[in-house]
Protein backbone atom coordinates (compact mmCIF):
# COMPACT_ATOMS: atom_id res chain seq x y z
CA MET A 1 -20.69 -13.54 -20.15
CA LEU A 2 -19.36 -14.78 -23.50
CA ALA A 3 -15.66 -15.53 -23.54
CA GLN A 4 -13.41 -13.36 -25.68
CA THR A 5 -10.10 -14.40 -27.14
CA ASN A 6 -6.69 -13.04 -26.11
CA LEU A 7 -7.98 -11.65 -22.82
CA LEU A 8 -6.58 -12.51 -19.41
CA ARG A 9 -9.39 -14.18 -17.45
CA VAL A 10 -9.30 -12.85 -13.90
CA LEU A 11 -11.16 -13.93 -10.76
CA VAL A 12 -11.91 -10.96 -8.46
CA VAL A 13 -11.80 -11.92 -4.78
CA GLY A 14 -12.96 -9.27 -2.31
CA CYS A 15 -15.26 -6.42 -3.33
CA GLY A 16 -14.50 -3.64 -0.86
CA ASN A 17 -12.83 -0.33 -1.71
CA MET A 18 -9.75 -1.78 -3.38
CA GLY A 19 -11.40 -4.89 -4.82
CA ALA A 20 -14.11 -2.83 -6.49
CA SER A 21 -11.53 -0.41 -7.91
CA HIS A 22 -9.42 -3.24 -9.34
CA ALA A 23 -12.54 -4.88 -10.80
CA TRP A 24 -13.46 -1.61 -12.51
CA ALA A 25 -9.94 -1.48 -13.96
CA TYR A 26 -10.31 -5.01 -15.35
CA HIS A 27 -13.69 -4.06 -16.80
CA THR A 28 -12.57 -0.85 -18.51
CA ILE A 29 -8.89 -0.73 -19.50
CA GLY A 30 -8.72 -3.66 -21.91
CA GLY A 31 -6.71 -6.86 -21.84
CA PHE A 32 -8.74 -8.49 -19.08
CA GLN A 33 -12.01 -10.37 -18.73
CA ILE A 34 -13.59 -10.90 -15.33
CA CYS A 35 -14.59 -14.57 -15.06
CA GLY A 36 -16.04 -14.43 -11.56
CA ILE A 37 -16.56 -12.28 -8.48
CA VAL A 38 -16.13 -13.61 -4.94
CA SER A 39 -17.17 -12.25 -1.53
CA THR A 40 -18.77 -13.72 1.56
CA GLY A 41 -21.32 -10.90 1.83
CA LYS A 42 -23.54 -8.84 -0.45
CA SER A 43 -20.72 -6.66 -1.81
CA LYS A 44 -20.42 -8.96 -4.84
CA GLU A 45 -24.00 -8.17 -5.86
CA THR A 46 -23.32 -4.44 -5.51
CA LEU A 47 -20.16 -4.72 -7.62
CA ASN A 48 -21.88 -6.88 -10.22
CA GLU A 49 -24.55 -4.21 -10.62
CA LYS A 50 -21.95 -1.46 -10.89
CA LEU A 51 -20.21 -3.38 -13.67
CA GLY A 52 -23.43 -3.80 -15.62
CA GLY A 53 -24.42 -7.25 -14.38
CA GLY A 54 -24.07 -10.70 -15.88
CA PHE A 55 -21.00 -11.87 -13.96
CA THR A 56 -20.82 -15.20 -12.15
CA LEU A 57 -20.92 -14.68 -8.39
CA PHE A 58 -19.45 -16.92 -5.69
CA SER A 59 -19.45 -16.97 -1.89
CA ASP A 60 -16.76 -19.65 -1.61
CA TYR A 61 -13.27 -18.90 -2.91
CA ALA A 62 -12.10 -22.50 -3.41
CA GLU A 63 -15.29 -23.29 -5.33
CA ALA A 64 -14.81 -20.21 -7.52
CA LEU A 65 -11.21 -21.10 -8.26
CA GLU A 66 -12.16 -24.62 -9.30
CA ALA A 67 -15.16 -23.53 -11.37
CA THR A 68 -13.55 -20.66 -13.30
CA LYS A 69 -9.94 -21.88 -13.68
CA PRO A 70 -8.74 -18.27 -14.09
CA ASP A 71 -5.53 -17.07 -15.70
CA ALA A 72 -5.13 -14.65 -12.81
CA VAL A 73 -6.62 -13.96 -9.39
CA CYS A 74 -7.00 -10.53 -7.78
CA ILE A 75 -7.03 -10.79 -3.96
CA SER A 76 -8.36 -7.77 -2.04
CA THR A 77 -9.67 -9.52 1.06
CA TYR A 78 -8.62 -8.98 4.69
CA PRO A 79 -4.92 -9.69 5.35
CA ASP A 80 -5.48 -12.87 7.37
CA THR A 81 -6.66 -14.61 4.17
CA HIS A 82 -3.89 -13.36 1.87
CA GLU A 83 -1.39 -16.17 2.36
CA SER A 84 -3.79 -19.09 1.93
CA PHE A 85 -5.71 -17.50 -0.96
CA ALA A 86 -2.52 -16.57 -2.86
CA ILE A 87 -0.88 -19.96 -2.45
CA MET A 88 -4.08 -21.74 -3.49
CA ALA A 89 -4.25 -19.65 -6.69
CA LEU A 90 -0.56 -20.11 -7.51
CA GLU A 91 -0.76 -23.87 -7.01
CA LYS A 92 -3.73 -23.93 -9.41
CA GLY A 93 -1.57 -22.21 -12.05
CA SER A 94 -2.91 -18.65 -11.79
CA HIS A 95 -0.95 -15.41 -11.70
CA VAL A 96 -1.74 -13.34 -8.59
CA PHE A 97 -2.30 -9.67 -7.92
CA ILE A 98 -2.65 -9.16 -4.17
CA GLU A 99 -3.30 -6.08 -2.08
CA LYS A 100 -0.71 -5.15 0.50
CA PRO A 101 0.35 -6.51 2.89
CA LEU A 102 1.46 -9.70 1.16
CA ALA A 103 0.51 -11.74 4.26
CA ASP A 104 -0.21 -11.26 7.95
CA THR A 105 3.18 -12.69 8.99
CA VAL A 106 6.67 -12.44 7.56
CA ALA A 107 6.91 -16.22 7.30
CA GLY A 108 3.60 -16.23 5.43
CA ALA A 109 4.88 -13.61 2.98
CA GLU A 110 7.98 -15.72 2.36
CA ARG A 111 5.81 -18.77 1.71
CA VAL A 112 3.75 -16.84 -0.85
CA ALA A 113 6.92 -15.62 -2.57
CA ALA A 114 8.28 -19.17 -2.66
CA ALA A 115 4.99 -20.49 -4.08
CA ALA A 116 5.10 -17.93 -6.91
CA LYS A 117 8.68 -18.90 -7.74
CA LYS A 118 7.85 -22.62 -7.69
CA ALA A 119 4.79 -22.15 -9.91
CA ASN A 120 6.68 -19.75 -12.23
CA LYS A 121 3.78 -17.32 -12.04
CA LYS A 122 3.70 -13.56 -11.62
CA LEU A 123 3.03 -12.17 -8.15
CA ALA A 124 2.28 -8.44 -8.02
CA ILE A 125 1.62 -6.62 -4.75
CA GLY A 126 -0.59 -3.53 -4.55
CA TYR A 127 1.91 -0.85 -3.60
CA ILE A 128 -0.13 1.88 -5.25
CA LEU A 129 2.34 4.72 -4.56
CA ARG A 130 4.90 3.03 -6.83
CA HIS A 131 2.62 3.90 -9.76
CA HIS A 132 2.08 7.55 -8.81
CA PRO A 133 4.24 9.99 -10.85
CA SER A 134 4.24 12.60 -8.07
CA TRP A 135 5.50 10.10 -5.50
CA GLU A 136 8.11 8.92 -7.99
CA LYS A 137 9.20 12.57 -8.32
CA PHE A 138 9.14 12.98 -4.53
CA ILE A 139 11.54 10.03 -4.18
CA GLU A 140 13.74 11.29 -7.05
CA LEU A 141 14.10 14.77 -5.51
CA SER A 142 14.83 13.29 -2.07
CA GLN A 143 17.96 11.74 -3.58
CA GLN A 144 19.26 15.23 -4.42
CA LEU A 145 19.36 16.31 -0.76
CA GLY A 146 22.58 14.58 0.29
CA LYS A 147 22.92 12.16 3.20
CA PRO A 148 21.80 11.41 5.81
CA LEU A 149 18.09 11.91 5.27
CA VAL A 150 15.40 12.63 7.83
CA MET A 151 12.04 11.29 6.65
CA ARG A 152 8.81 12.32 8.36
CA MET A 153 5.50 10.79 7.31
CA ASN A 154 2.10 10.02 8.75
CA LEU A 155 -1.43 9.09 7.76
CA ASN A 156 -3.80 9.38 10.70
CA GLN A 157 -7.44 8.62 9.89
CA GLN A 158 -10.40 9.96 11.86
CA SER A 159 -12.42 7.01 10.63
CA HIS A 160 -16.16 6.73 11.12
CA GLY A 161 -19.11 5.03 9.45
CA VAL A 162 -18.09 2.36 6.94
CA MET A 163 -14.38 3.15 7.29
CA TRP A 164 -14.46 2.52 11.05
CA ASN A 165 -16.02 -0.87 10.30
CA VAL A 166 -13.20 -1.56 7.83
CA HIS A 167 -10.50 -0.49 10.28
CA ARG A 168 -11.94 -2.54 13.15
CA ASN A 169 -11.98 -5.60 10.91
CA LEU A 170 -8.39 -4.95 9.82
CA MET A 171 -7.26 -4.67 13.43
CA LYS A 172 -8.45 -8.20 14.13
CA SER A 173 -5.18 -9.27 12.53
CA LEU A 174 -2.92 -6.22 12.03
CA SER A 175 -2.11 -2.85 13.57
CA PRO A 176 -2.19 0.42 11.56
CA ILE A 177 1.60 0.70 11.49
CA VAL A 178 1.81 -2.71 9.82
CA ASP A 179 -1.14 -2.54 7.42
CA CYS A 180 -0.64 1.09 6.39
CA GLY A 181 3.01 1.51 7.34
CA VAL A 182 4.38 -0.91 4.74
CA HIS A 183 3.64 1.72 2.05
CA TYR A 184 5.74 4.41 3.70
CA ILE A 185 8.49 2.09 4.89
CA ASP A 186 8.80 1.07 1.23
CA VAL A 187 9.08 4.76 0.26
CA MET A 188 11.78 5.37 2.88
CA CYS A 189 13.80 2.41 1.62
CA GLN A 190 13.58 3.78 -1.93
CA MET A 191 14.67 7.23 -0.73
CA THR A 192 17.71 6.11 1.23
CA ARG A 193 18.72 3.06 -0.83
CA SER A 194 20.32 1.98 2.43
CA LYS A 195 19.88 -0.99 4.74
CA PRO A 196 17.58 -0.48 7.74
CA ILE A 197 19.41 -1.61 10.89
CA GLN A 198 17.18 -0.76 13.86
CA VAL A 199 13.58 0.10 14.74
CA ASN A 200 11.83 1.51 17.77
CA ALA A 201 8.06 1.98 18.09
CA ILE A 202 5.29 2.87 20.52
CA GLY A 203 1.55 2.31 20.41
CA ALA A 204 -1.65 2.86 22.34
CA ARG A 205 -5.06 1.14 22.50
CA LEU A 206 -7.55 4.02 22.49
CA THR A 207 -10.75 1.98 22.25
CA GLU A 208 -12.20 -1.23 23.65
CA GLU A 209 -13.80 -1.90 20.25
CA ILE A 210 -10.66 -3.64 19.01
CA PRO A 211 -9.16 -6.94 20.22
CA GLU A 212 -7.31 -6.99 23.53
CA GLY A 213 -3.59 -6.71 22.89
CA ASN A 214 -3.91 -4.71 19.66
CA TYR A 215 -3.58 -0.94 19.31
CA ASN A 216 -5.14 1.64 16.99
CA TYR A 217 -2.40 4.28 17.29
CA GLY A 218 1.27 3.65 16.55
CA GLN A 219 4.47 5.55 15.84
CA LEU A 220 7.67 4.00 14.49
CA GLN A 221 11.25 5.11 14.00
CA ILE A 222 13.78 3.49 11.66
CA ARG A 223 17.56 3.92 11.66
CA PHE A 224 19.42 3.17 8.41
CA GLU A 225 23.02 2.09 7.82
CA ASP A 226 23.89 5.40 6.10
CA GLY A 227 22.80 7.44 9.15
CA SER A 228 19.36 8.29 7.75
CA VAL A 229 16.36 8.13 10.08
CA GLY A 230 12.65 7.80 9.36
CA TRP A 231 9.50 8.41 11.37
CA TYR A 232 5.97 7.23 10.59
CA GLU A 233 2.72 7.59 12.52
CA ALA A 234 -0.68 5.99 11.93
CA GLY A 235 -3.89 6.09 13.95
CA TRP A 236 -7.38 4.82 13.12
CA GLY A 237 -10.66 5.64 14.78
CA PRO A 238 -13.28 8.29 15.57
CA MET A 239 -11.10 9.75 18.33
CA ILE A 240 -8.10 10.53 16.06
CA SER A 241 -7.19 14.19 15.66
CA GLU A 242 -7.19 15.81 12.24
CA THR A 243 -4.43 18.22 13.24
CA ALA A 244 -1.34 17.51 11.08
CA PHE A 245 -2.65 14.11 10.01
CA PHE A 246 -1.12 14.33 6.52
CA VAL A 247 2.65 14.90 6.77
CA LYS A 248 4.99 13.77 4.00
CA ASP A 249 8.45 15.34 3.88
CA VAL A 250 12.13 14.55 3.75
CA ILE A 251 15.09 16.64 4.92
CA GLY A 252 18.75 16.36 3.97
CA PRO A 253 21.91 18.50 4.31
CA LEU A 254 21.07 20.34 1.07
CA GLY A 255 17.41 21.10 1.76
CA ALA A 256 13.99 19.51 1.98
CA VAL A 257 11.18 18.22 -0.20
CA SER A 258 7.59 18.17 1.02
CA ILE A 259 4.21 17.12 -0.30
CA VAL A 260 1.82 20.02 0.18
CA ALA A 261 -1.71 18.70 -0.18
CA LYS A 262 -4.08 21.49 0.81
CA ASP A 263 -7.16 19.58 -0.30
CA ALA A 264 -6.14 16.08 0.82
CA GLY A 265 -4.97 17.50 4.14
CA ALA A 266 -8.18 19.41 4.76
CA LYS A 267 -10.67 18.76 7.54
CA GLY A 268 -12.84 15.71 6.95
CA LYS A 269 -10.44 14.10 4.45
CA SER A 270 -8.38 11.94 6.82
CA ASP A 271 -10.34 8.72 6.16
CA SER A 272 -10.89 9.37 2.44
CA VAL A 273 -9.25 6.67 0.31
CA GLU A 274 -9.39 9.05 -2.67
CA ALA A 275 -7.47 11.75 -0.77
CA HIS A 276 -4.68 9.48 0.51
CA THR A 277 -2.83 9.40 -2.82
CA LYS A 278 -3.23 13.10 -3.62
CA THR A 279 -0.05 15.17 -3.76
CA GLU A 280 -1.19 18.40 -5.45
CA LEU A 281 2.17 20.19 -5.00
CA LEU A 282 5.79 19.39 -4.18
CA ARG A 283 7.81 22.07 -2.39
CA PHE A 284 11.58 21.87 -2.96
CA HIS A 285 13.53 23.91 -0.41
CA HIS A 286 17.24 24.65 -0.99
CA ALA A 287 19.38 25.08 2.13
CA ALA A 288 22.26 27.06 0.53
CA LEU A 289 23.04 30.40 2.25
CA ASN A 290 25.05 33.45 1.16
CA ALA A 291 27.61 35.36 3.23
CA SER A 292 24.77 37.03 5.16
CA ASN A 293 23.15 33.67 5.95
CA GLU A 294 20.24 34.43 3.65
CA PHE A 295 18.88 31.81 1.28
CA VAL A 296 20.45 31.87 -2.18
CA ALA A 297 17.40 30.39 -3.92
CA ASP A 298 13.68 30.59 -3.37
CA ASP A 299 11.68 27.48 -2.73
CA VAL A 300 10.54 25.76 -5.92
CA TRP A 301 6.91 24.68 -6.24
CA ILE A 302 6.36 21.72 -8.53
CA ASN A 303 2.86 21.09 -9.81
CA LEU A 304 2.95 17.93 -11.87
CA GLU A 305 0.27 17.83 -14.56
CA ASP A 306 -0.15 14.07 -14.33
CA GLU A 307 -2.08 13.74 -11.07
CA PRO A 308 -4.05 10.49 -11.35
CA ASP A 309 -7.02 9.89 -9.09
CA HIS A 310 -7.38 6.72 -7.04
CA GLN A 311 -9.13 4.80 -9.81
CA GLU A 312 -6.52 5.73 -12.40
CA LEU A 313 -3.79 4.54 -10.02
CA CYS A 314 -5.55 1.19 -9.77
CA ASN A 315 -5.78 1.15 -13.57
CA ARG A 316 -2.02 1.71 -13.77
CA GLU A 317 -1.35 -1.08 -11.31
CA GLN A 318 -3.36 -3.49 -13.43
CA ARG A 319 -1.70 -2.35 -16.67
CA TYR A 320 1.62 -3.12 -15.00
CA PHE A 321 0.33 -6.54 -13.89
CA LEU A 322 -0.80 -7.32 -17.45
CA LYS A 323 2.51 -6.11 -18.89
CA ALA A 324 4.46 -8.26 -16.41
CA ILE A 325 2.54 -11.33 -17.59
CA GLU A 326 2.59 -10.59 -21.32
CA GLN A 327 6.25 -9.54 -21.41
CA ASP A 328 7.45 -11.98 -18.75
CA ILE A 329 8.91 -9.21 -16.59
CA ASP A 330 11.00 -10.48 -13.67
CA LEU A 331 9.18 -9.43 -10.47
CA THR A 332 11.73 -10.95 -8.07
CA ASP A 333 12.88 -7.56 -6.73
CA HIS A 334 9.28 -6.31 -6.55
CA VAL A 335 8.30 -9.28 -4.38
CA GLN A 336 11.44 -9.09 -2.24
CA ASP A 337 10.82 -5.39 -1.55
CA ALA A 338 7.31 -6.26 -0.35
CA VAL A 339 8.63 -8.99 1.94
CA ASN A 340 11.33 -6.67 3.32
CA SER A 341 8.97 -3.77 4.04
CA LEU A 342 6.65 -6.19 5.82
CA ARG A 343 9.59 -7.57 7.84
CA ILE A 344 10.46 -4.03 8.98
CA ALA A 345 6.83 -3.26 9.82
CA PHE A 346 6.50 -6.39 11.95
CA ALA A 347 9.78 -5.55 13.71
CA CYS A 348 8.15 -2.23 14.62
CA ASP A 349 5.08 -4.11 15.85
CA GLU A 350 7.38 -6.28 18.00
CA SER A 351 8.94 -3.13 19.43
CA VAL A 352 5.50 -1.79 20.43
CA ARG A 353 4.57 -5.04 22.15
CA THR A 354 7.89 -5.60 23.95
CA GLY A 355 8.86 -2.00 24.65
CA LYS A 356 12.34 -2.72 23.30
CA VAL A 357 14.47 -1.52 20.40
CA VAL A 358 14.60 -4.22 17.72
CA SER A 359 17.75 -4.84 15.69
CA LEU A 360 17.40 -5.79 12.02
CA VAL A 361 20.99 -6.98 11.59
């Protein structure tokens, strides 16, 4: 395609669910120009067709990087490639947007962060819930509940078809409580604004279709310095129950706030990427009682008008990435939060594998 001036030239690497959504954002929101599309399989042809055709396609990432010399690289491949792909792009002088998790080890994540600092390039990590106004409101209201907090969250997925293929591939390198859990650990840290000090976790291998030693169901518990506690559960596979698979609430001395997603929590929606970010309603419960021990105030239902779909959330992530580059926004805290949530998630993974409580201090 003909080059246009004043556009950020971006190389799209990985064309699955998230890669295709980010590519569509680059193609439609302005400020970007896709200079190449990379995948090892036929997904790049499918994406090229969806975008109207005419894009340069590559099967080899290093070759694509050398040929296109992009301003930025978008990495949405499997986690075991994240570290090497990101560092390669940063060392070539490209900004990087990378899907979570930042790497498949904590040390790898730290190496990517160090490479971004050394290259003086922007590194943005795809924590999509940070761009969702309802989740921002959920976190804001949680901070009105007093301390300590009790945080209960899960996202169990009765995956089948293409999604079961995706999950099996993911579990070649990571468990569900690491790959998916980093999102919700990040949310808990934002809610408490306190230091996590201890984790405990359990897991189970419910299928022989995943590597020996890995597990497709996990549950973690986190204890924070301020006395808050958090619980998260994630399971992937055709055997996973759809009973109470979508739980998102937080409890404090003064009440509770819950996401009530009747549609997203409905039968058949557990492995829907589109449904995972839906909030629909927030329910704010006030704990105050009168002299007769009856509630002083009714529960408040909050229906936020700005309820972006999955594609719009990806658009917002990419607008933020562009803004960070154009306005030279300091992403140090953003990157450190991603490293920290991954460190906590891997501590939970260690707890599953050793059967021991793991201290974070």
